[in-house]
N, C-alpha and C. Protein backbone atom coordinates (compact mmCIF):
# COMPACT_ATOMS: atom_id res chain seq x y z
N MET A 1 -14.94 -21.62 17.22
CA MET A 1 -13.87 -21.09 16.36
C MET A 1 -14.39 -19.86 15.61
N ASP A 2 -13.68 -18.73 15.75
CA ASP A 2 -14.11 -17.52 15.05
C ASP A 2 -13.22 -17.29 13.82
N GLU A 3 -13.42 -16.14 13.15
CA GLU A 3 -12.69 -15.87 11.90
C GLU A 3 -11.19 -15.75 12.13
N ASP A 4 -10.80 -15.18 13.27
CA ASP A 4 -9.37 -15.05 13.57
C ASP A 4 -8.72 -16.42 13.69
N ASP A 5 -9.44 -17.35 14.31
CA ASP A 5 -8.91 -18.71 14.46
C ASP A 5 -8.72 -19.36 13.09
N ILE A 6 -9.72 -19.15 12.22
CA ILE A 6 -9.63 -19.74 10.88
C ILE A 6 -8.46 -19.15 10.12
N ARG A 7 -8.31 -17.82 10.20
CA ARG A 7 -7.21 -17.16 9.51
C ARG A 7 -5.87 -17.66 10.01
N ASP A 8 -5.73 -17.76 11.32
CA ASP A 8 -4.47 -18.24 11.90
C ASP A 8 -4.18 -19.67 11.46
N PHE A 9 -5.23 -20.48 11.40
CA PHE A 9 -5.06 -21.87 10.99
C PHE A 9 -4.55 -21.95 9.55
N LEU A 10 -5.14 -21.12 8.65
CA LEU A 10 -4.73 -21.15 7.25
C LEU A 10 -3.32 -20.61 7.07
N VAL A 11 -2.96 -19.62 7.87
CA VAL A 11 -1.59 -19.09 7.80
C VAL A 11 -0.59 -20.15 8.22
N GLN A 12 -0.94 -20.91 9.23
CA GLN A 12 -0.05 -21.95 9.74
C GLN A 12 -0.08 -23.21 8.89
N ASN A 13 -1.09 -23.32 8.04
CA ASN A 13 -1.21 -24.51 7.20
C ASN A 13 -1.48 -24.08 5.75
N PRO A 14 -0.49 -23.50 5.10
CA PRO A 14 -0.70 -22.97 3.76
C PRO A 14 -1.02 -24.04 2.72
N ASP A 15 -0.74 -25.30 3.03
CA ASP A 15 -1.03 -26.38 2.08
C ASP A 15 -2.38 -27.03 2.35
N TYR A 16 -3.20 -26.40 3.17
CA TYR A 16 -4.49 -27.01 3.54
C TYR A 16 -5.37 -27.28 2.32
N PHE A 17 -5.44 -26.29 1.40
CA PHE A 17 -6.31 -26.47 0.24
C PHE A 17 -5.70 -27.42 -0.79
N GLN A 18 -4.37 -27.62 -0.71
CA GLN A 18 -3.77 -28.64 -1.57
C GLN A 18 -4.19 -30.03 -1.12
N LYS A 19 -4.34 -30.17 0.20
CA LYS A 19 -4.78 -31.47 0.75
C LYS A 19 -6.28 -31.66 0.62
N ASN A 20 -7.01 -30.54 0.44
CA ASN A 20 -8.47 -30.61 0.34
C ASN A 20 -8.94 -29.78 -0.86
N PRO A 21 -8.54 -30.16 -2.08
CA PRO A 21 -8.84 -29.35 -3.27
C PRO A 21 -10.33 -29.21 -3.55
N GLU A 22 -11.15 -30.17 -3.06
CA GLU A 22 -12.58 -30.10 -3.34
C GLU A 22 -13.22 -28.87 -2.69
N LEU A 23 -12.56 -28.29 -1.68
CA LEU A 23 -13.13 -27.13 -0.99
C LEU A 23 -12.97 -25.84 -1.80
N LEU A 24 -11.99 -25.82 -2.71
CA LEU A 24 -11.74 -24.60 -3.46
C LEU A 24 -12.93 -24.20 -4.31
N GLY A 25 -13.63 -25.21 -4.84
CA GLY A 25 -14.79 -24.90 -5.67
C GLY A 25 -15.97 -24.37 -4.90
N LEU A 26 -15.94 -24.51 -3.57
CA LEU A 26 -17.04 -24.05 -2.75
C LEU A 26 -16.84 -22.64 -2.22
N ILE A 27 -15.57 -22.14 -2.31
CA ILE A 27 -15.26 -20.83 -1.75
C ILE A 27 -15.54 -19.76 -2.78
N GLU A 28 -16.18 -18.69 -2.35
CA GLU A 28 -16.47 -17.57 -3.23
C GLU A 28 -15.85 -16.30 -2.66
N VAL A 29 -15.27 -15.50 -3.56
CA VAL A 29 -14.63 -14.23 -3.17
C VAL A 29 -15.29 -13.12 -3.97
N PRO A 30 -15.82 -12.08 -3.30
CA PRO A 30 -16.46 -10.98 -4.03
C PRO A 30 -15.48 -10.33 -4.99
N HIS A 31 -15.88 -10.15 -6.23
CA HIS A 31 -15.06 -9.49 -7.23
C HIS A 31 -15.29 -7.98 -7.16
N ALA A 32 -14.39 -7.23 -7.77
CA ALA A 32 -14.53 -5.77 -7.73
C ALA A 32 -15.82 -5.30 -8.37
N THR A 33 -16.36 -6.11 -9.30
CA THR A 33 -17.60 -5.73 -9.98
C THR A 33 -18.83 -6.08 -9.17
N GLY A 34 -18.64 -6.84 -8.08
CA GLY A 34 -19.78 -7.25 -7.26
C GLY A 34 -20.19 -8.68 -7.50
N ALA A 35 -19.75 -9.27 -8.60
CA ALA A 35 -20.10 -10.66 -8.87
C ALA A 35 -19.27 -11.58 -8.00
N ALA A 36 -19.77 -12.80 -7.77
CA ALA A 36 -19.06 -13.78 -6.96
C ALA A 36 -18.29 -14.72 -7.86
N VAL A 37 -17.01 -14.95 -7.51
CA VAL A 37 -16.19 -15.87 -8.28
C VAL A 37 -15.53 -16.84 -7.31
N SER A 38 -15.13 -17.99 -7.81
CA SER A 38 -14.46 -18.96 -6.95
C SER A 38 -13.07 -18.48 -6.62
N LEU A 39 -12.50 -19.00 -5.56
CA LEU A 39 -11.15 -18.63 -5.14
C LEU A 39 -10.14 -18.95 -6.24
N VAL A 40 -10.33 -20.07 -6.91
CA VAL A 40 -9.42 -20.46 -7.98
C VAL A 40 -9.45 -19.42 -9.09
N GLU A 41 -10.64 -18.97 -9.48
CA GLU A 41 -10.74 -17.97 -10.52
C GLU A 41 -10.10 -16.66 -10.10
N ARG A 42 -10.29 -16.34 -8.82
CA ARG A 42 -9.68 -15.11 -8.31
C ARG A 42 -8.16 -15.22 -8.33
N GLN A 43 -7.63 -16.37 -7.96
CA GLN A 43 -6.19 -16.57 -7.98
C GLN A 43 -5.65 -16.49 -9.40
N VAL A 44 -6.40 -17.08 -10.33
CA VAL A 44 -5.99 -17.02 -11.74
C VAL A 44 -5.95 -15.58 -12.22
N SER A 45 -6.96 -14.80 -11.82
CA SER A 45 -7.01 -13.40 -12.21
C SER A 45 -5.82 -12.63 -11.65
N VAL A 46 -5.50 -12.87 -10.38
CA VAL A 46 -4.36 -12.20 -9.75
C VAL A 46 -3.06 -12.58 -10.45
N LEU A 47 -2.89 -13.88 -10.74
CA LEU A 47 -1.68 -14.34 -11.41
C LEU A 47 -1.58 -13.76 -12.82
N ARG A 48 -2.72 -13.61 -13.48
CA ARG A 48 -2.72 -13.03 -14.82
C ARG A 48 -2.24 -11.58 -14.76
N ASP A 49 -2.74 -10.85 -13.76
CA ASP A 49 -2.31 -9.45 -13.60
C ASP A 49 -0.82 -9.36 -13.31
N ARG A 50 -0.35 -10.28 -12.46
CA ARG A 50 1.08 -10.27 -12.14
C ARG A 50 1.91 -10.62 -13.37
N ASN A 51 1.39 -11.53 -14.17
CA ASN A 51 2.10 -11.92 -15.39
C ASN A 51 2.24 -10.74 -16.34
N VAL A 52 1.15 -9.96 -16.48
CA VAL A 52 1.19 -8.78 -17.33
C VAL A 52 2.22 -7.78 -16.81
N ASP A 53 2.23 -7.60 -15.49
CA ASP A 53 3.19 -6.67 -14.88
C ASP A 53 4.63 -7.13 -15.12
N LEU A 54 4.86 -8.44 -14.98
CA LEU A 54 6.21 -8.97 -15.21
C LEU A 54 6.63 -8.81 -16.66
N ARG A 55 5.69 -9.00 -17.58
CA ARG A 55 6.01 -8.82 -19.00
C ARG A 55 6.41 -7.37 -19.28
N HIS A 56 5.67 -6.43 -18.63
CA HIS A 56 6.01 -5.02 -18.81
C HIS A 56 7.40 -4.71 -18.26
N ARG A 57 7.72 -5.31 -17.10
CA ARG A 57 9.05 -5.07 -16.52
C ARG A 57 10.14 -5.64 -17.40
N LEU A 58 9.91 -6.84 -17.93
CA LEU A 58 10.90 -7.46 -18.81
C LEU A 58 11.08 -6.64 -20.08
N ARG A 59 9.97 -6.09 -20.60
CA ARG A 59 10.06 -5.25 -21.79
C ARG A 59 10.90 -4.01 -21.49
N ASP A 60 10.67 -3.40 -20.31
CA ASP A 60 11.43 -2.22 -19.92
C ASP A 60 12.91 -2.54 -19.77
N LEU A 61 13.20 -3.71 -19.16
CA LEU A 61 14.59 -4.12 -19.00
C LEU A 61 15.25 -4.33 -20.36
N GLY A 62 14.50 -4.95 -21.27
CA GLY A 62 15.04 -5.17 -22.60
C GLY A 62 15.30 -3.87 -23.32
N SER A 63 14.39 -2.90 -23.15
CA SER A 63 14.56 -1.59 -23.78
C SER A 63 15.77 -0.88 -23.21
N THR A 64 15.95 -0.95 -21.88
CA THR A 64 17.11 -0.32 -21.24
C THR A 64 18.41 -0.95 -21.72
N ALA A 65 18.41 -2.28 -21.80
CA ALA A 65 19.61 -2.98 -22.27
C ALA A 65 19.95 -2.58 -23.70
N LYS A 66 18.92 -2.45 -24.54
CA LYS A 66 19.13 -2.05 -25.93
C LYS A 66 19.69 -0.64 -26.00
N ASP A 67 19.14 0.27 -25.17
CA ASP A 67 19.64 1.65 -25.14
C ASP A 67 21.09 1.69 -24.68
N ASN A 68 21.42 0.87 -23.67
CA ASN A 68 22.79 0.83 -23.17
C ASN A 68 23.75 0.30 -24.23
N ASP A 69 23.31 -0.71 -24.98
CA ASP A 69 24.15 -1.25 -26.05
C ASP A 69 24.41 -0.18 -27.11
N GLN A 70 23.37 0.58 -27.45
CA GLN A 70 23.53 1.62 -28.46
C GLN A 70 24.46 2.72 -27.96
N MET A 71 24.32 3.10 -26.68
CA MET A 71 25.19 4.13 -26.13
C MET A 71 26.64 3.66 -26.11
N PHE A 72 26.86 2.38 -25.78
CA PHE A 72 28.22 1.85 -25.79
C PHE A 72 28.80 1.89 -27.20
N ALA A 73 27.98 1.49 -28.19
CA ALA A 73 28.45 1.49 -29.58
C ALA A 73 28.78 2.91 -30.04
N ASP A 74 27.94 3.87 -29.69
CA ASP A 74 28.19 5.26 -30.09
C ASP A 74 29.43 5.81 -29.40
N THR A 75 29.59 5.50 -28.11
CA THR A 75 30.76 5.97 -27.37
C THR A 75 32.03 5.36 -27.94
N ARG A 76 31.95 4.11 -28.32
CA ARG A 76 33.09 3.43 -28.94
C ARG A 76 33.49 4.16 -30.23
N GLN A 77 32.50 4.55 -31.04
CA GLN A 77 32.79 5.28 -32.27
C GLN A 77 33.43 6.63 -31.97
N LEU A 78 33.01 7.26 -30.87
CA LEU A 78 33.62 8.54 -30.50
C LEU A 78 35.11 8.35 -30.22
N VAL A 79 35.43 7.38 -29.36
CA VAL A 79 36.83 7.16 -28.98
C VAL A 79 37.66 6.78 -30.19
N LEU A 80 37.16 5.84 -31.00
CA LEU A 80 37.91 5.40 -32.17
C LEU A 80 38.05 6.53 -33.20
N GLY A 81 37.06 7.42 -33.25
CA GLY A 81 37.14 8.53 -34.18
C GLY A 81 38.17 9.57 -33.78
N LEU A 82 38.42 9.70 -32.47
CA LEU A 82 39.35 10.71 -31.99
C LEU A 82 40.80 10.22 -31.93
N LEU A 83 40.99 8.93 -31.75
CA LEU A 83 42.34 8.39 -31.53
C LEU A 83 43.33 8.71 -32.66
N PRO A 84 42.92 8.70 -33.93
CA PRO A 84 43.92 8.95 -34.98
C PRO A 84 44.43 10.39 -35.03
N ALA A 85 43.79 11.32 -34.36
CA ALA A 85 44.17 12.74 -34.44
C ALA A 85 45.60 12.95 -33.95
N THR A 86 46.38 13.70 -34.73
CA THR A 86 47.77 14.00 -34.34
C THR A 86 47.97 15.48 -34.07
N THR A 87 46.96 16.32 -34.38
CA THR A 87 47.02 17.75 -34.09
C THR A 87 45.70 18.17 -33.46
N VAL A 88 45.70 19.34 -32.85
CA VAL A 88 44.48 19.86 -32.24
C VAL A 88 43.40 20.09 -33.29
N ASP A 89 43.82 20.57 -34.47
CA ASP A 89 42.86 20.81 -35.53
C ASP A 89 42.19 19.51 -35.97
N GLU A 90 42.98 18.45 -36.10
CA GLU A 90 42.42 17.14 -36.47
C GLU A 90 41.48 16.63 -35.38
N LEU A 91 41.86 16.87 -34.13
CA LEU A 91 41.04 16.44 -33.01
C LEU A 91 39.69 17.15 -33.03
N GLU A 92 39.72 18.47 -33.26
CA GLU A 92 38.47 19.22 -33.30
C GLU A 92 37.58 18.76 -34.46
N ALA A 93 38.18 18.57 -35.63
CA ALA A 93 37.40 18.16 -36.79
C ALA A 93 36.74 16.80 -36.56
N ALA A 94 37.50 15.86 -35.99
CA ALA A 94 36.95 14.53 -35.72
C ALA A 94 35.86 14.60 -34.67
N LEU A 95 36.07 15.42 -33.65
CA LEU A 95 35.10 15.56 -32.58
C LEU A 95 33.77 16.10 -33.10
N ILE A 96 33.83 17.18 -33.86
CA ILE A 96 32.61 17.79 -34.39
C ILE A 96 31.88 16.80 -35.30
N ARG A 97 32.64 16.10 -36.13
CA ARG A 97 32.03 15.15 -37.07
C ARG A 97 31.30 14.03 -36.32
N VAL A 98 31.93 13.46 -35.31
CA VAL A 98 31.30 12.36 -34.57
C VAL A 98 30.08 12.85 -33.80
N LEU A 99 30.18 13.98 -33.15
CA LEU A 99 29.06 14.49 -32.37
C LEU A 99 27.85 14.79 -33.26
N ARG A 100 28.08 15.30 -34.43
CA ARG A 100 26.97 15.63 -35.33
C ARG A 100 26.42 14.40 -36.05
N ASP A 101 27.33 13.55 -36.55
CA ASP A 101 26.87 12.42 -37.36
C ASP A 101 26.36 11.25 -36.52
N ILE A 102 27.03 10.96 -35.42
CA ILE A 102 26.66 9.80 -34.61
C ILE A 102 25.64 10.16 -33.53
N PHE A 103 25.83 11.30 -32.90
CA PHE A 103 24.95 11.67 -31.78
C PHE A 103 23.89 12.69 -32.17
N ASP A 104 23.89 13.11 -33.42
CA ASP A 104 22.86 14.01 -33.94
C ASP A 104 22.79 15.30 -33.12
N ILE A 105 23.95 15.82 -32.73
CA ILE A 105 24.02 17.06 -31.96
C ILE A 105 24.05 18.24 -32.93
N GLU A 106 23.20 19.21 -32.66
CA GLU A 106 23.00 20.32 -33.59
C GLU A 106 24.22 21.25 -33.66
N TYR A 107 24.77 21.62 -32.51
CA TYR A 107 25.94 22.50 -32.45
C TYR A 107 26.97 21.88 -31.51
N ALA A 108 28.24 22.03 -31.86
CA ALA A 108 29.32 21.52 -31.01
C ALA A 108 30.55 22.40 -31.23
N SER A 109 31.33 22.56 -30.16
CA SER A 109 32.55 23.37 -30.31
C SER A 109 33.58 22.95 -29.27
N LEU A 110 34.83 23.17 -29.62
CA LEU A 110 35.96 22.93 -28.73
C LEU A 110 36.69 24.25 -28.52
N THR A 111 36.86 24.65 -27.28
CA THR A 111 37.56 25.90 -26.95
C THR A 111 38.70 25.57 -26.00
N LEU A 112 39.89 26.09 -26.30
CA LEU A 112 41.04 25.89 -25.43
C LEU A 112 41.37 27.18 -24.69
N PHE A 113 41.86 27.04 -23.47
CA PHE A 113 42.17 28.20 -22.64
C PHE A 113 43.62 28.64 -22.83
N GLU A 114 43.83 29.39 -23.90
CA GLU A 114 45.14 29.95 -24.16
C GLU A 114 44.94 31.27 -24.90
N ASP A 115 45.96 32.13 -24.88
CA ASP A 115 45.88 33.36 -25.66
C ASP A 115 45.84 33.01 -27.14
N ALA A 116 44.95 33.66 -27.87
CA ALA A 116 44.72 33.31 -29.26
C ALA A 116 45.98 33.39 -30.12
N GLY A 117 46.91 34.26 -29.77
CA GLY A 117 48.08 34.44 -30.62
C GLY A 117 49.20 33.46 -30.38
N GLU A 118 49.09 32.59 -29.41
CA GLU A 118 50.19 31.70 -29.07
C GLU A 118 50.39 30.58 -30.08
N HIS A 119 49.32 30.12 -30.73
CA HIS A 119 49.43 28.98 -31.64
C HIS A 119 48.68 29.26 -32.92
N LYS A 120 49.08 28.54 -33.96
CA LYS A 120 48.36 28.60 -35.21
C LYS A 120 47.25 27.55 -35.18
N GLY A 121 46.47 27.53 -36.27
CA GLY A 121 45.41 26.53 -36.35
C GLY A 121 44.04 27.16 -36.21
N SER A 122 43.02 26.33 -36.45
CA SER A 122 41.65 26.83 -36.47
C SER A 122 40.93 26.73 -35.13
N VAL A 123 41.47 25.97 -34.20
CA VAL A 123 40.79 25.80 -32.92
C VAL A 123 40.81 27.11 -32.15
N ARG A 124 39.66 27.52 -31.68
CA ARG A 124 39.58 28.79 -30.95
C ARG A 124 40.28 28.67 -29.60
N ARG A 125 41.07 29.70 -29.27
CA ARG A 125 41.78 29.73 -28.00
C ARG A 125 41.50 31.07 -27.34
N VAL A 126 40.97 31.03 -26.15
CA VAL A 126 40.64 32.26 -25.43
C VAL A 126 41.14 32.13 -23.99
N PRO A 127 41.38 33.23 -23.32
CA PRO A 127 41.73 33.17 -21.90
C PRO A 127 40.57 32.53 -21.11
N GLU A 128 40.92 31.75 -20.14
CA GLU A 128 39.88 31.10 -19.33
C GLU A 128 38.96 32.14 -18.69
N SER A 129 39.51 33.28 -18.31
CA SER A 129 38.71 34.32 -17.67
C SER A 129 37.62 34.86 -18.60
N GLN A 130 37.89 34.85 -19.91
CA GLN A 130 36.89 35.36 -20.86
C GLN A 130 35.67 34.44 -20.91
N LEU A 131 35.91 33.14 -20.98
CA LEU A 131 34.79 32.20 -21.01
C LEU A 131 34.04 32.21 -19.68
N LYS A 132 34.78 32.28 -18.60
CA LYS A 132 34.14 32.31 -17.28
C LYS A 132 33.34 33.60 -17.09
N GLY A 133 33.85 34.70 -17.66
CA GLY A 133 33.14 35.96 -17.53
C GLY A 133 31.78 35.94 -18.20
N LYS A 134 31.66 35.19 -19.29
CA LYS A 134 30.39 35.14 -20.02
C LYS A 134 29.51 33.99 -19.57
N LEU A 135 30.13 32.84 -19.26
CA LEU A 135 29.33 31.63 -19.00
C LEU A 135 29.74 30.95 -17.71
N GLY A 136 30.17 31.73 -16.74
CA GLY A 136 30.66 31.16 -15.49
C GLY A 136 29.65 30.27 -14.78
N ALA A 137 28.36 30.59 -14.92
CA ALA A 137 27.34 29.81 -14.23
C ALA A 137 27.25 28.38 -14.73
N LEU A 138 27.72 28.15 -15.97
CA LEU A 138 27.64 26.80 -16.54
C LEU A 138 28.95 26.03 -16.41
N LEU A 139 30.00 26.68 -15.93
CA LEU A 139 31.29 26.02 -15.81
C LEU A 139 31.45 25.48 -14.40
N VAL A 140 31.32 24.16 -14.28
CA VAL A 140 31.36 23.50 -12.98
C VAL A 140 32.49 22.48 -12.98
N ARG A 141 33.39 22.58 -12.03
CA ARG A 141 34.49 21.62 -11.94
C ARG A 141 33.95 20.21 -11.75
N GLY A 142 34.41 19.29 -12.62
CA GLY A 142 34.04 17.90 -12.48
C GLY A 142 32.68 17.53 -13.04
N ASN A 143 31.88 18.52 -13.41
CA ASN A 143 30.55 18.25 -13.95
C ASN A 143 30.26 19.18 -15.12
N ALA A 144 29.33 18.75 -15.97
CA ALA A 144 28.90 19.59 -17.07
C ALA A 144 27.73 20.44 -16.62
N GLY A 145 27.70 21.70 -17.07
CA GLY A 145 26.60 22.59 -16.73
C GLY A 145 25.68 22.77 -17.92
N CYS A 146 24.38 22.88 -17.66
CA CYS A 146 23.39 23.02 -18.73
C CYS A 146 22.51 24.24 -18.47
N GLY A 147 22.00 24.83 -19.56
CA GLY A 147 21.08 25.94 -19.38
C GLY A 147 20.78 26.67 -20.67
N ALA A 148 19.78 27.53 -20.60
CA ALA A 148 19.40 28.35 -21.75
C ALA A 148 20.38 29.51 -21.88
N LEU A 149 20.60 29.98 -23.12
CA LEU A 149 21.56 31.05 -23.37
C LEU A 149 20.94 32.14 -24.23
N ARG A 150 21.35 33.35 -23.96
CA ARG A 150 20.97 34.47 -24.82
C ARG A 150 21.70 34.35 -26.15
N ALA A 151 21.24 35.08 -27.14
CA ALA A 151 21.81 34.97 -28.48
C ALA A 151 23.30 35.28 -28.50
N ASP A 152 23.74 36.32 -27.77
CA ASP A 152 25.16 36.69 -27.81
C ASP A 152 26.03 35.63 -27.14
N ASP A 153 25.55 35.03 -26.06
CA ASP A 153 26.31 33.97 -25.39
C ASP A 153 26.34 32.71 -26.24
N PHE A 154 25.23 32.42 -26.90
CA PHE A 154 25.18 31.24 -27.75
C PHE A 154 26.16 31.38 -28.91
N GLU A 155 26.23 32.59 -29.50
CA GLU A 155 27.16 32.81 -30.61
C GLU A 155 28.60 32.77 -30.13
N PHE A 156 28.85 33.16 -28.88
CA PHE A 156 30.20 33.08 -28.35
C PHE A 156 30.67 31.63 -28.32
N LEU A 157 29.78 30.73 -27.92
CA LEU A 157 30.14 29.31 -27.87
C LEU A 157 30.19 28.69 -29.25
N PHE A 158 29.26 29.08 -30.10
CA PHE A 158 29.14 28.49 -31.43
C PHE A 158 29.15 29.62 -32.47
N PRO A 159 30.33 30.08 -32.85
CA PRO A 159 30.46 31.23 -33.76
C PRO A 159 29.60 31.08 -35.02
N GLY A 160 28.88 32.14 -35.35
CA GLY A 160 28.03 32.13 -36.52
C GLY A 160 26.59 31.77 -36.23
N ALA A 161 26.31 31.23 -35.04
CA ALA A 161 24.95 30.83 -34.67
C ALA A 161 24.35 31.90 -33.76
N THR A 162 23.74 32.90 -34.35
CA THR A 162 23.15 33.99 -33.58
C THR A 162 21.69 33.67 -33.29
N LEU A 163 21.44 33.02 -32.20
CA LEU A 163 20.08 32.64 -31.84
C LEU A 163 19.99 32.36 -30.35
N VAL A 164 18.78 32.39 -29.84
CA VAL A 164 18.53 32.00 -28.46
C VAL A 164 18.44 30.48 -28.43
N GLY A 165 19.20 29.84 -27.57
CA GLY A 165 19.21 28.38 -27.52
C GLY A 165 19.60 27.89 -26.14
N SER A 166 20.08 26.67 -26.09
CA SER A 166 20.54 26.10 -24.83
C SER A 166 21.82 25.31 -25.10
N ALA A 167 22.59 25.10 -24.05
CA ALA A 167 23.87 24.42 -24.23
C ALA A 167 24.26 23.66 -22.97
N ALA A 168 25.16 22.71 -23.18
CA ALA A 168 25.80 21.99 -22.08
C ALA A 168 27.30 22.15 -22.26
N ILE A 169 28.02 22.47 -21.19
CA ILE A 169 29.46 22.73 -21.27
C ILE A 169 30.18 21.87 -20.23
N ALA A 170 31.21 21.17 -20.69
CA ALA A 170 32.03 20.38 -19.77
C ALA A 170 33.46 20.89 -19.84
N LEU A 171 34.06 21.16 -18.70
CA LEU A 171 35.45 21.59 -18.66
C LEU A 171 36.36 20.43 -19.03
N ILE A 172 37.40 20.74 -19.78
CA ILE A 172 38.43 19.75 -20.11
C ILE A 172 39.57 19.99 -19.14
N GLU A 173 39.83 19.05 -18.24
CA GLU A 173 40.79 19.25 -17.17
C GLU A 173 41.84 18.15 -17.14
N ASN A 174 43.02 18.52 -16.71
CA ASN A 174 44.10 17.55 -16.54
C ASN A 174 44.89 17.90 -15.29
N GLU A 175 44.88 16.99 -14.34
CA GLU A 175 45.60 17.17 -13.07
C GLU A 175 45.20 18.47 -12.39
N GLY A 176 43.91 18.76 -12.39
CA GLY A 176 43.39 19.92 -11.70
C GLY A 176 43.46 21.22 -12.48
N LYS A 177 44.07 21.19 -13.66
CA LYS A 177 44.18 22.40 -14.48
C LYS A 177 43.15 22.37 -15.59
N ALA A 178 42.42 23.47 -15.76
CA ALA A 178 41.43 23.56 -16.83
C ALA A 178 42.15 23.87 -18.14
N LEU A 179 41.99 22.99 -19.13
CA LEU A 179 42.63 23.16 -20.43
C LEU A 179 41.71 23.82 -21.45
N GLY A 180 40.42 23.68 -21.26
CA GLY A 180 39.47 24.22 -22.21
C GLY A 180 38.07 23.76 -21.88
N ALA A 181 37.19 23.80 -22.88
CA ALA A 181 35.79 23.42 -22.65
C ALA A 181 35.22 22.76 -23.90
N LEU A 182 34.41 21.74 -23.68
CA LEU A 182 33.67 21.08 -24.76
C LEU A 182 32.22 21.50 -24.61
N SER A 183 31.64 22.01 -25.69
CA SER A 183 30.27 22.52 -25.64
C SER A 183 29.40 21.88 -26.71
N VAL A 184 28.17 21.59 -26.34
CA VAL A 184 27.16 21.13 -27.31
C VAL A 184 25.94 22.01 -27.13
N GLY A 185 25.24 22.29 -28.24
CA GLY A 185 24.12 23.21 -28.14
C GLY A 185 22.94 22.82 -28.99
N SER A 186 21.82 23.48 -28.74
CA SER A 186 20.58 23.24 -29.47
C SER A 186 19.86 24.57 -29.68
N SER A 187 19.15 24.67 -30.80
CA SER A 187 18.33 25.86 -31.06
C SER A 187 17.08 25.86 -30.20
N ASP A 188 16.80 24.75 -29.52
CA ASP A 188 15.68 24.66 -28.58
C ASP A 188 16.18 25.13 -27.21
N ALA A 189 15.65 26.24 -26.74
CA ALA A 189 16.13 26.82 -25.48
C ALA A 189 15.86 25.94 -24.26
N SER A 190 15.00 24.95 -24.40
CA SER A 190 14.68 24.07 -23.26
C SER A 190 15.34 22.69 -23.37
N HIS A 191 16.09 22.47 -24.44
CA HIS A 191 16.65 21.13 -24.67
C HIS A 191 17.67 20.74 -23.60
N TYR A 192 18.65 21.60 -23.37
CA TYR A 192 19.66 21.31 -22.35
C TYR A 192 19.27 22.04 -21.07
N ASP A 193 18.75 21.28 -20.12
CA ASP A 193 18.34 21.88 -18.85
C ASP A 193 18.98 21.13 -17.68
N GLY A 194 18.68 21.57 -16.48
CA GLY A 194 19.30 20.99 -15.29
C GLY A 194 18.95 19.55 -15.04
N GLU A 195 17.91 19.03 -15.70
CA GLU A 195 17.49 17.65 -15.49
C GLU A 195 18.18 16.68 -16.44
N MET A 196 18.89 17.20 -17.43
CA MET A 196 19.49 16.32 -18.44
C MET A 196 20.75 15.66 -17.90
N GLY A 197 20.92 14.38 -18.20
CA GLY A 197 22.13 13.67 -17.80
C GLY A 197 23.32 14.14 -18.63
N THR A 198 24.46 14.30 -18.00
CA THR A 198 25.64 14.84 -18.69
C THR A 198 26.85 13.91 -18.60
N LEU A 199 26.62 12.65 -18.24
CA LEU A 199 27.73 11.72 -18.05
C LEU A 199 28.54 11.54 -19.33
N PHE A 200 27.86 11.43 -20.47
CA PHE A 200 28.58 11.22 -21.72
C PHE A 200 29.46 12.42 -22.05
N LEU A 201 28.92 13.62 -21.90
CA LEU A 201 29.69 14.83 -22.22
C LEU A 201 30.92 14.92 -21.32
N GLU A 202 30.77 14.58 -20.06
CA GLU A 202 31.90 14.61 -19.13
C GLU A 202 32.94 13.56 -19.53
N PHE A 203 32.46 12.39 -19.98
CA PHE A 203 33.39 11.35 -20.44
C PHE A 203 34.15 11.82 -21.67
N ALA A 204 33.44 12.44 -22.62
CA ALA A 204 34.09 12.94 -23.84
C ALA A 204 35.15 13.97 -23.49
N ALA A 205 34.87 14.84 -22.51
CA ALA A 205 35.85 15.84 -22.08
C ALA A 205 37.10 15.17 -21.49
N GLU A 206 36.91 14.08 -20.76
CA GLU A 206 38.04 13.34 -20.19
C GLU A 206 38.89 12.71 -21.29
N VAL A 207 38.23 12.16 -22.31
CA VAL A 207 38.96 11.58 -23.44
C VAL A 207 39.79 12.65 -24.14
N ILE A 208 39.21 13.82 -24.37
CA ILE A 208 39.92 14.91 -25.03
C ILE A 208 41.11 15.36 -24.19
N ALA A 209 40.91 15.44 -22.88
CA ALA A 209 42.02 15.85 -22.00
C ALA A 209 43.18 14.88 -22.12
N GLY A 210 42.89 13.59 -22.20
CA GLY A 210 43.94 12.59 -22.34
C GLY A 210 44.66 12.71 -23.68
N LEU A 211 43.91 12.98 -24.73
CA LEU A 211 44.52 13.10 -26.06
C LEU A 211 45.35 14.37 -26.20
N LEU A 212 44.94 15.45 -25.53
CA LEU A 212 45.68 16.71 -25.65
C LEU A 212 47.10 16.58 -25.10
N LYS A 213 47.35 15.62 -24.24
CA LYS A 213 48.67 15.45 -23.65
C LYS A 213 49.67 14.87 -24.64
N ARG A 214 49.17 14.22 -25.68
CA ARG A 214 50.11 13.53 -26.57
C ARG A 214 50.14 14.08 -28.01
N ILE A 215 49.21 14.96 -28.37
CA ILE A 215 49.19 15.43 -29.75
C ILE A 215 49.86 16.78 -29.90
N ASP A 216 50.17 17.13 -31.15
CA ASP A 216 50.82 18.40 -31.48
C ASP A 216 49.90 19.55 -31.09
N PRO A 217 50.37 20.47 -30.21
CA PRO A 217 49.50 21.55 -29.75
C PRO A 217 49.26 22.65 -30.78
N SER A 218 49.95 22.64 -31.91
CA SER A 218 49.81 23.71 -32.88
C SER A 218 48.53 23.59 -33.67
């Protein structure tokens, strides 16, 4: 009987050492340090390592679940904060307040695609072509675009903020028509980049699009 025969026998009889436990104390397995340890000790060591790995995975799962719970709670506050709005001005004020207070966003703005003279109110209204002419690279149908901005482009999105920064922009659309844009920004030019997830911003834009259909446009 050679080593292959022994290996095949053990594979076919995995309970062999359970039936012959006295043999476990006689088996030695070289440790990574060079010392000899019994098979039982080696198995305990392996199981201990696996246990540590499982604890780390469970900790990560718990952390992810906690983060998801917090995101759900924050998103809930966004929706509930916007629902009472009956005018575009009220909608903008509630939106900016929630984004800054709940999500700790440094800059935020709402822009609607209409000629500025058509309606009263404080919400900025510009032709869609004007926003596309300056920031067309960040305006993506169905998705939010992110990137660094020059000072003049940053101030266009966030009036009064003349600085080099970064921003994420989500189009507000209804039935294929672009109604405006929701923008968030940071004074850190690398904060909003192509690797950042934009699902929440896109969701917020969808909520705004739904609300714009029922509130006073003035």
